[in-house]
Amino acid sequence: MAKKAKSRTIAVRILSMAQTGFFMTFRRPRTHRPLSMLKYDPVVKKKVLFLEQKRGGK
């Protein structure tokens, strides 16, 4: 049986740098660089930097 092809997109979690524990999930192409964006954090009630979280491997 042939191996399954890898998906072209992956789901990533971006975490608030205000250290509130708030996160969002996005899909991005596998070949792009890690996500970073300014988004609204409802815990601190303002826009903060969100960075892609490192994936915990086994």
N, C-alpha and C. Protein backbone atom coordinates (compact mmCIF):
# COMPACT_ATOMS: atom_id res chain seq x y z
N MET A 1 0.84 -1.18 0.00
CA MET A 1 0.00 0.00 0.00
C MET A 1 0.89 1.25 0.00
N ALA A 2 0.54 2.25 -0.79
CA ALA A 2 1.34 3.47 -0.90
C ALA A 2 1.14 4.38 0.31
N LYS A 3 2.17 5.19 0.60
CA LYS A 3 2.07 6.13 1.71
C LYS A 3 1.12 7.26 1.34
N LYS A 4 0.48 7.83 2.36
CA LYS A 4 -0.43 8.94 2.17
C LYS A 4 0.38 10.22 1.97
N ALA A 5 -0.03 11.06 1.03
CA ALA A 5 0.68 12.32 0.76
C ALA A 5 0.43 13.31 1.90
N LYS A 6 1.44 14.15 2.18
CA LYS A 6 1.30 15.16 3.22
C LYS A 6 0.37 16.27 2.74
N SER A 7 -0.37 16.82 3.66
CA SER A 7 -1.26 17.93 3.35
C SER A 7 -0.44 19.18 3.05
N ARG A 8 -0.97 20.05 2.20
CA ARG A 8 -0.26 21.28 1.86
C ARG A 8 -0.46 22.36 2.92
N THR A 9 -1.46 22.22 3.77
CA THR A 9 -1.70 23.18 4.84
C THR A 9 -1.63 22.48 6.19
N ILE A 10 -1.32 23.26 7.22
CA ILE A 10 -1.31 22.72 8.58
C ILE A 10 -2.07 23.67 9.50
N ALA A 11 -2.64 23.14 10.56
CA ALA A 11 -3.31 23.95 11.56
C ALA A 11 -2.26 24.37 12.59
N VAL A 12 -2.22 25.66 12.91
CA VAL A 12 -1.27 26.17 13.88
C VAL A 12 -2.01 26.96 14.95
N ARG A 13 -1.44 26.99 16.14
CA ARG A 13 -2.01 27.73 17.26
C ARG A 13 -1.15 28.96 17.49
N ILE A 14 -1.78 30.15 17.50
CA ILE A 14 -1.03 31.36 17.83
C ILE A 14 -1.42 31.77 19.25
N LEU A 15 -0.42 32.14 20.03
CA LEU A 15 -0.58 32.39 21.46
C LEU A 15 -0.33 33.86 21.75
N SER A 16 -1.14 34.45 22.63
CA SER A 16 -1.02 35.86 22.99
C SER A 16 0.28 36.10 23.75
N MET A 17 1.01 37.14 23.36
CA MET A 17 2.26 37.48 24.04
C MET A 17 2.01 38.31 25.30
N ALA A 18 0.73 38.60 25.61
CA ALA A 18 0.38 39.25 26.87
C ALA A 18 0.37 38.22 28.01
N GLN A 19 0.64 36.97 27.67
CA GLN A 19 0.71 35.84 28.62
C GLN A 19 -0.59 35.66 29.40
N THR A 20 -1.70 35.76 28.68
CA THR A 20 -3.01 35.53 29.28
C THR A 20 -3.48 34.10 29.07
N GLY A 21 -2.79 33.38 28.20
CA GLY A 21 -3.20 32.02 27.88
C GLY A 21 -4.21 31.96 26.74
N PHE A 22 -4.61 33.11 26.21
CA PHE A 22 -5.57 33.15 25.11
C PHE A 22 -4.88 32.76 23.81
N PHE A 23 -5.54 31.93 23.01
CA PHE A 23 -4.95 31.50 21.74
C PHE A 23 -6.01 31.44 20.66
N MET A 24 -5.55 31.41 19.42
CA MET A 24 -6.41 31.25 18.25
C MET A 24 -5.80 30.17 17.36
N THR A 25 -6.61 29.55 16.56
CA THR A 25 -6.13 28.51 15.65
C THR A 25 -6.36 28.95 14.21
N PHE A 26 -5.33 28.81 13.38
CA PHE A 26 -5.39 29.18 11.97
C PHE A 26 -4.83 28.05 11.13
N ARG A 27 -5.10 28.11 9.84
CA ARG A 27 -4.50 27.19 8.88
C ARG A 27 -3.55 28.00 8.02
N ARG A 28 -2.35 27.48 7.81
CA ARG A 28 -1.39 28.17 6.95
C ARG A 28 -0.70 27.14 6.07
N PRO A 29 -0.17 27.58 4.92
CA PRO A 29 0.57 26.65 4.06
C PRO A 29 1.80 26.10 4.79
N ARG A 30 2.08 24.86 4.57
CA ARG A 30 3.19 24.18 5.24
C ARG A 30 4.54 24.85 4.97
N THR A 31 4.70 25.45 3.79
CA THR A 31 5.98 26.01 3.39
C THR A 31 6.21 27.44 3.87
N HIS A 32 5.19 28.13 4.38
CA HIS A 32 5.34 29.51 4.82
C HIS A 32 6.08 29.56 6.15
N ARG A 33 6.58 30.76 6.46
CA ARG A 33 7.26 30.94 7.74
C ARG A 33 6.22 31.03 8.86
N PRO A 34 6.63 30.92 10.12
CA PRO A 34 5.67 30.94 11.24
C PRO A 34 4.86 32.24 11.29
N LEU A 35 3.60 32.11 11.74
CA LEU A 35 2.69 33.24 11.80
C LEU A 35 3.03 34.18 12.96
N SER A 36 2.85 35.47 12.73
CA SER A 36 2.88 36.48 13.79
C SER A 36 1.96 37.59 13.34
N MET A 37 1.08 38.04 14.23
CA MET A 37 0.13 39.08 13.85
C MET A 37 -0.40 39.79 15.08
N LEU A 38 -0.90 41.00 14.86
CA LEU A 38 -1.58 41.75 15.92
C LEU A 38 -3.06 41.40 15.87
N LYS A 39 -3.58 40.91 16.98
CA LYS A 39 -5.00 40.56 17.07
C LYS A 39 -5.53 41.04 18.42
N TYR A 40 -6.84 41.06 18.56
CA TYR A 40 -7.48 41.50 19.80
C TYR A 40 -7.49 40.37 20.82
N ASP A 41 -7.01 40.67 22.02
CA ASP A 41 -7.04 39.72 23.14
C ASP A 41 -8.13 40.18 24.11
N PRO A 42 -9.24 39.44 24.22
CA PRO A 42 -10.35 39.88 25.07
C PRO A 42 -10.04 39.86 26.57
N VAL A 43 -9.00 39.17 26.98
CA VAL A 43 -8.65 39.11 28.40
C VAL A 43 -8.09 40.47 28.86
N VAL A 44 -7.19 41.06 28.07
CA VAL A 44 -6.63 42.37 28.41
C VAL A 44 -7.35 43.51 27.69
N LYS A 45 -8.28 43.17 26.81
CA LYS A 45 -9.13 44.12 26.08
C LYS A 45 -8.34 45.10 25.23
N LYS A 46 -7.33 44.60 24.51
CA LYS A 46 -6.62 45.42 23.54
C LYS A 46 -5.89 44.53 22.55
N LYS A 47 -5.35 45.16 21.49
CA LYS A 47 -4.61 44.41 20.48
C LYS A 47 -3.22 44.11 21.01
N VAL A 48 -2.80 42.84 20.87
CA VAL A 48 -1.47 42.42 21.29
C VAL A 48 -0.86 41.54 20.21
N LEU A 49 0.41 41.29 20.32
CA LEU A 49 1.12 40.44 19.38
C LEU A 49 0.80 38.97 19.67
N PHE A 50 0.48 38.23 18.63
CA PHE A 50 0.28 36.79 18.73
C PHE A 50 1.37 36.12 17.90
N LEU A 51 2.03 35.11 18.48
CA LEU A 51 3.07 34.37 17.77
C LEU A 51 2.70 32.90 17.71
N GLU A 52 3.16 32.26 16.64
CA GLU A 52 2.91 30.83 16.50
C GLU A 52 3.64 30.07 17.59
N GLN A 53 2.91 29.18 18.24
CA GLN A 53 3.46 28.40 19.34
C GLN A 53 4.30 27.26 18.82
N LYS A 54 5.38 26.94 19.52
CA LYS A 54 6.19 25.78 19.14
C LYS A 54 5.36 24.52 19.32
N ARG A 55 5.53 23.60 18.39
CA ARG A 55 4.78 22.35 18.47
C ARG A 55 5.50 21.39 19.38
N GLY A 56 4.78 20.81 20.30
CA GLY A 56 5.36 19.83 21.21
C GLY A 56 5.45 18.47 20.55
N GLY A 57 6.66 18.03 20.28
CA GLY A 57 6.84 16.73 19.64
C GLY A 57 7.02 15.63 20.66
N LYS A 58 7.03 14.40 20.19
CA LYS A 58 7.22 13.26 21.10
C LYS A 58 8.67 12.91 21.22
